[in-house]
Amino acid sequence: MTTGPLDYPTDHWLKSADPEALLCASVKQQSLAYSQVKNYFLWELIGTVEGIRLLDFGCGSGFFMVEAVKRGAASAVGVDALESCLAAARLLAERERVAERTVFVRGESLSAVSNRHLFDVILLRDVIEHVDDDSLLLSQAARLLSPRGRLIVATQNAWSLNYFLEGAIQRFILKKQSWFGWDPTHLRFYTPKRLTRLLGEAGLRPTSWRSGYLVPHKIPSPFGKNRKYIRLEILARLDRFLGRVTPFNRLGWSLMVRGER
């Protein structure tokens, strides 16, 4: 999902005109150890969903929305800039028989849902690094939260081992100063300190942190073009043990935080 000036190429899987193909590609992404650990921690930060109203900004294929409703959420609203993603999300909701409790809106900002009710949980999963004005996004999200609402943010962390290793190669050896991680549409990195400041400006405070990909396990392959990476996903087991423990819960490549009033 991108809401900034950068966009994915037309042949990217997120741009697929076939909702079925896009869903299959999404399932493949979610099956990776990196995604599984991140999603596990995000559900911990979200907490109980029974009876809540959920807003997923940058909802992609709608996996979190559909799962939240299946777990008992009263309703879920998904916003994404890509109609291709929304088509896949609608298909998933229909298949899982939760379409009547899900709403999908195409939009590039939270103004697309500003006239709706307040939400108990707002999820910004891998979104904030895409937008031009991150401070405005968090302020808008805070205004859409119910009094005891929870804002969940996930992004990429400059206080991580992978940043120092891969970032050093990309920025200083390859001279790619515009490198902001694995996604070409990213605009910046974050740190726990910066997220704390941004949340504070929006009237929220961080109440819990999680981190994943503490030890890099996606390694460039020496075997040529047919295999770009070697995945040592057994290393992801470390994340489940350490990713919620201070200070490791602030030191992974994938940084997650819950903000509350």
Protein backbone atom coordinates (compact mmCIF):
# COMPACT_ATOMS: atom_id res chain seq x y z
CA MET A 1 0.00 0.00 0.00
CA THR A 2 1.39 3.42 -0.87
CA THR A 3 -0.05 6.83 -0.11
CA GLY A 4 2.98 8.93 -0.97
CA PRO A 5 4.33 10.26 -4.27
CA LEU A 6 6.12 7.00 -5.09
CA ASP A 7 4.25 4.14 -6.65
CA TYR A 8 4.78 0.47 -7.42
CA PRO A 9 5.64 -0.57 -10.99
CA THR A 10 2.74 -1.78 -13.09
CA ASP A 11 4.00 -5.38 -12.98
CA HIS A 12 4.14 -5.50 -9.17
CA TRP A 13 1.88 -8.16 -7.65
CA LEU A 14 -0.03 -5.49 -5.72
CA LYS A 15 -1.15 -4.06 -9.06
CA SER A 16 -2.56 -7.35 -10.35
CA ALA A 17 -5.94 -6.97 -12.04
CA ASP A 18 -6.82 -10.51 -10.95
CA PRO A 19 -8.08 -10.52 -7.32
CA GLU A 20 -7.44 -14.26 -7.06
CA ALA A 21 -3.81 -13.89 -8.16
CA LEU A 22 -3.29 -10.99 -5.77
CA LEU A 23 -4.74 -13.00 -2.89
CA CYS A 24 -2.43 -15.91 -3.68
CA ALA A 25 0.59 -13.59 -3.73
CA SER A 26 -0.53 -12.12 -0.40
CA VAL A 27 -0.87 -15.57 1.15
CA LYS A 28 2.67 -16.34 0.03
CA GLN A 29 3.94 -13.16 1.67
CA GLN A 30 2.08 -13.91 4.89
CA SER A 31 3.56 -17.41 5.03
CA LEU A 32 7.11 -16.11 5.41
CA ALA A 33 8.59 -16.35 8.90
CA TYR A 34 9.16 -12.58 8.93
CA SER A 35 5.46 -11.90 8.35
CA GLN A 36 4.30 -14.61 10.74
CA VAL A 37 6.31 -13.18 13.63
CA LYS A 38 5.20 -9.64 12.86
CA ASN A 39 1.54 -10.63 12.65
CA TYR A 40 1.80 -12.62 15.88
CA PHE A 41 3.08 -9.55 17.71
CA LEU A 42 0.56 -7.23 16.06
CA TRP A 43 -2.30 -9.35 17.38
CA GLU A 44 -0.74 -9.14 20.84
CA LEU A 45 -0.68 -5.35 20.60
CA ILE A 46 -4.22 -5.18 19.23
CA GLY A 47 -5.48 -7.29 22.12
CA THR A 48 -9.08 -8.40 22.47
CA VAL A 49 -11.28 -7.61 19.47
CA GLU A 50 -14.64 -8.79 20.76
CA GLY A 51 -17.22 -6.16 19.85
CA ILE A 52 -14.73 -3.55 18.63
CA ARG A 53 -14.77 -1.28 15.61
CA LEU A 54 -11.53 -1.69 13.63
CA LEU A 55 -10.00 0.63 11.06
CA ASP A 56 -7.18 -0.80 8.95
CA PHE A 57 -5.54 2.02 7.01
CA GLY A 58 -3.48 0.51 4.22
CA CYS A 59 -5.49 -2.69 4.52
CA GLY A 60 -3.98 -4.42 1.50
CA SER A 61 -5.72 -7.75 0.92
CA GLY A 62 -7.77 -7.40 4.09
CA PHE A 63 -6.29 -10.25 6.15
CA PHE A 64 -6.35 -8.38 9.46
CA MET A 65 -9.86 -7.06 8.88
CA VAL A 66 -11.31 -10.44 8.01
CA GLU A 67 -9.55 -12.17 10.89
CA ALA A 68 -10.67 -9.49 13.36
CA VAL A 69 -14.31 -9.95 12.36
CA LYS A 70 -13.94 -13.73 12.57
CA ARG A 71 -12.59 -13.22 16.12
CA GLY A 72 -15.65 -11.20 17.11
CA ALA A 73 -15.13 -7.60 15.97
CA ALA A 74 -18.40 -5.79 15.42
CA SER A 75 -17.17 -4.20 12.20
CA ALA A 76 -14.02 -3.47 10.22
CA VAL A 77 -13.30 -0.66 7.78
CA GLY A 78 -10.41 -0.95 5.36
CA VAL A 79 -8.84 1.91 3.42
CA ASP A 80 -6.28 1.48 0.66
CA ALA A 81 -5.00 3.55 -2.23
CA LEU A 82 -4.99 0.58 -4.62
CA GLU A 83 -8.27 -0.67 -6.06
CA SER A 84 -6.55 -3.95 -6.89
CA CYS A 85 -5.96 -4.59 -3.18
CA LEU A 86 -9.52 -3.66 -2.30
CA ALA A 87 -10.87 -6.07 -4.91
CA ALA A 88 -8.83 -8.88 -3.35
CA ALA A 89 -9.98 -7.85 0.13
CA ARG A 90 -13.62 -7.92 -0.91
CA LEU A 91 -13.12 -11.38 -2.39
CA LEU A 92 -11.53 -12.61 0.84
CA ALA A 93 -14.36 -11.16 2.96
CA GLU A 94 -16.95 -12.84 0.78
CA ARG A 95 -15.18 -16.19 0.94
CA GLU A 96 -14.93 -16.01 4.71
CA ARG A 97 -18.59 -14.93 4.94
CA VAL A 98 -17.91 -11.70 6.80
CA ALA A 99 -18.71 -9.26 3.99
CA GLU A 100 -21.69 -7.83 5.88
CA ARG A 101 -19.40 -6.58 8.67
CA THR A 102 -16.63 -5.19 6.44
CA VAL A 103 -16.45 -1.95 4.49
CA PHE A 104 -13.76 -1.10 1.96
CA VAL A 105 -12.91 2.45 0.93
CA ARG A 106 -10.45 3.64 -1.67
CA GLY A 107 -8.43 6.57 -0.39
CA GLU A 108 -4.96 7.96 0.21
CA SER A 109 -5.65 9.59 3.58
CA LEU A 110 -7.78 9.14 6.66
CA SER A 111 -10.07 11.89 5.42
CA ALA A 112 -11.71 9.09 3.43
CA VAL A 113 -13.33 7.89 6.67
CA SER A 114 -13.39 11.10 8.71
CA ASN A 115 -17.19 11.26 8.54
CA ARG A 116 -17.62 7.80 10.08
CA HIS A 117 -17.85 6.77 13.72
CA LEU A 118 -14.88 6.52 16.10
CA PHE A 119 -12.81 3.36 16.14
CA ASP A 120 -11.60 1.22 19.04
CA VAL A 121 -8.53 0.00 17.17
CA ILE A 122 -6.73 1.68 14.27
CA LEU A 123 -4.03 -0.32 12.52
CA LEU A 124 -1.23 1.36 10.55
CA ARG A 125 0.72 -1.68 9.41
CA ASP A 126 3.68 -0.73 7.21
CA VAL A 127 2.02 2.54 6.20
CA ILE A 128 3.63 5.46 8.01
CA GLU A 129 6.90 5.17 6.08
CA HIS A 130 4.96 5.71 2.83
CA VAL A 131 3.17 8.99 3.56
CA ASP A 132 4.48 12.49 3.02
CA ASP A 133 3.22 13.92 6.31
CA ASP A 134 3.53 11.28 9.03
CA SER A 135 2.71 13.74 11.81
CA LEU A 136 -0.60 14.63 10.14
CA LEU A 137 -1.44 10.95 9.68
CA LEU A 138 -0.98 10.18 13.37
CA SER A 139 -2.93 13.27 14.41
CA GLN A 140 -5.83 12.27 12.16
CA ALA A 141 -5.71 8.72 13.51
CA ALA A 142 -5.78 9.98 17.10
CA ARG A 143 -8.89 12.04 16.36
CA LEU A 144 -10.63 8.94 15.01
CA LEU A 145 -9.89 6.88 18.13
CA SER A 146 -12.53 6.23 20.75
CA PRO A 147 -11.61 7.45 24.28
CA ARG A 148 -10.03 4.10 25.18
CA GLY A 149 -8.93 3.31 21.66
CA ARG A 150 -5.64 1.76 20.59
CA LEU A 151 -3.45 2.87 17.69
CA ILE A 152 -1.08 0.16 16.41
CA VAL A 153 1.87 1.22 14.25
CA ALA A 154 4.34 -1.07 12.49
CA THR A 155 7.28 0.21 10.48
CA GLN A 156 11.00 -0.33 9.81
CA ASN A 157 13.58 0.50 12.43
CA ALA A 158 16.88 2.34 12.08
CA TRP A 159 17.88 0.95 15.51
CA SER A 160 18.24 -2.57 14.11
CA LEU A 161 21.08 -4.88 13.20
CA ASN A 162 19.76 -5.26 9.66
CA TYR A 163 19.78 -1.50 9.19
CA PHE A 164 23.42 -1.28 10.20
CA LEU A 165 24.44 -4.24 8.03
CA GLU A 166 22.32 -3.84 4.91
CA GLY A 167 22.08 -0.08 5.23
CA ALA A 168 25.88 0.23 5.34
CA ILE A 169 26.15 -1.74 2.12
CA GLN A 170 23.38 0.13 0.33
CA ARG A 171 24.21 3.65 1.47
CA PHE A 172 28.00 3.73 1.85
CA ILE A 173 29.28 1.02 -0.46
CA LEU A 174 26.67 1.12 -3.24
CA LYS A 175 26.04 4.87 -2.70
CA LYS A 176 22.25 4.46 -2.76
CA GLN A 177 21.30 7.36 -0.52
CA SER A 178 17.64 6.95 -1.44
CA TRP A 179 17.55 3.42 -0.01
CA PHE A 180 14.88 3.16 2.67
CA GLY A 181 14.49 -0.56 3.02
CA TRP A 182 13.04 -3.41 1.02
CA ASP A 183 10.19 -1.46 -0.53
CA PRO A 184 11.04 1.15 -3.19
CA THR A 185 8.07 3.30 -2.17
CA HIS A 186 9.38 3.95 1.36
CA LEU A 187 10.25 7.54 2.24
CA ARG A 188 12.06 7.16 5.57
CA PHE A 189 13.11 4.99 8.52
CA TYR A 190 11.98 5.35 12.13
CA THR A 191 13.38 4.82 15.61
CA PRO A 192 11.57 4.22 18.91
CA LYS A 193 12.53 7.75 19.93
CA ARG A 194 11.01 9.29 16.83
CA LEU A 195 7.81 7.26 17.10
CA THR A 196 7.46 8.23 20.76
CA ARG A 197 7.76 11.90 19.82
CA LEU A 198 5.25 11.63 16.97
CA LEU A 199 2.75 9.79 19.16
CA GLY A 200 3.16 12.42 21.85
CA GLU A 201 2.46 15.21 19.39
CA ALA A 202 -0.76 13.38 18.49
CA GLY A 203 -1.78 13.17 22.15
CA LEU A 204 -0.88 9.50 22.55
CA ARG A 205 1.70 7.61 24.58
CA PRO A 206 3.44 4.33 23.74
CA THR A 207 2.22 1.60 26.08
CA SER A 208 3.82 -1.50 24.57
CA TRP A 209 6.54 -2.35 22.05
CA ARG A 210 7.36 -5.37 19.90
CA SER A 211 10.14 -6.15 17.41
CA GLY A 212 10.81 -8.77 14.78
CA TYR A 213 13.71 -9.72 12.53
CA LEU A 214 16.23 -9.14 15.30
CA VAL A 215 18.79 -11.33 13.52
CA PRO A 216 18.79 -11.05 9.70
CA HIS A 217 17.76 -14.33 8.12
CA LYS A 218 17.21 -13.21 4.51
CA ILE A 219 20.73 -13.28 3.13
CA PRO A 220 21.93 -12.51 -0.43
CA SER A 221 22.71 -15.78 -2.20
CA PRO A 222 26.18 -16.46 -3.64
CA PHE A 223 24.68 -18.87 -6.18
CA GLY A 224 23.78 -16.41 -8.91
CA LYS A 225 20.66 -14.89 -10.42
CA ASN A 226 18.42 -17.95 -10.13
CA ARG A 227 18.38 -17.63 -6.36
CA LYS A 228 18.65 -14.09 -5.04
CA TYR A 229 18.35 -14.91 -1.35
CA ILE A 230 18.89 -17.68 1.17
CA ARG A 231 16.31 -17.72 3.97
CA LEU A 232 17.48 -19.06 7.33
CA GLU A 233 14.03 -18.74 8.83
CA ILE A 234 14.84 -20.88 11.86
CA LEU A 235 16.49 -17.72 13.22
CA ALA A 236 13.02 -16.15 13.43
CA ARG A 237 12.39 -18.31 16.49
CA LEU A 238 14.57 -15.88 18.43
CA ASP A 239 12.08 -13.10 17.71
CA ARG A 240 9.22 -14.81 19.53
CA PHE A 241 11.31 -15.10 22.68
CA LEU A 242 13.10 -11.75 22.59
CA GLY A 243 10.80 -9.52 20.55
CA ARG A 244 8.66 -8.59 23.55
CA VAL A 245 11.53 -8.26 26.05
CA THR A 246 13.20 -4.90 26.79
CA PRO A 247 15.45 -3.72 25.14
CA PHE A 248 15.09 -6.20 22.26
CA ASN A 249 11.47 -5.16 21.70
CA ARG A 250 12.85 -1.89 20.28
CA LEU A 251 15.78 -3.29 18.30
CA GLY A 252 14.30 -5.38 15.48
CA TRP A 253 14.05 -4.39 11.84
CA SER A 254 10.27 -4.58 12.19
CA LEU A 255 9.26 -2.14 14.92
CA MET A 256 5.75 -2.19 16.41
CA VAL A 257 4.15 0.02 19.03
CA ARG A 258 0.74 0.50 20.64
CA GLY A 259 -0.29 4.09 21.36
CA GLU A 260 -3.04 5.06 23.80
CA ARG A 261 -4.31 8.25 25.45
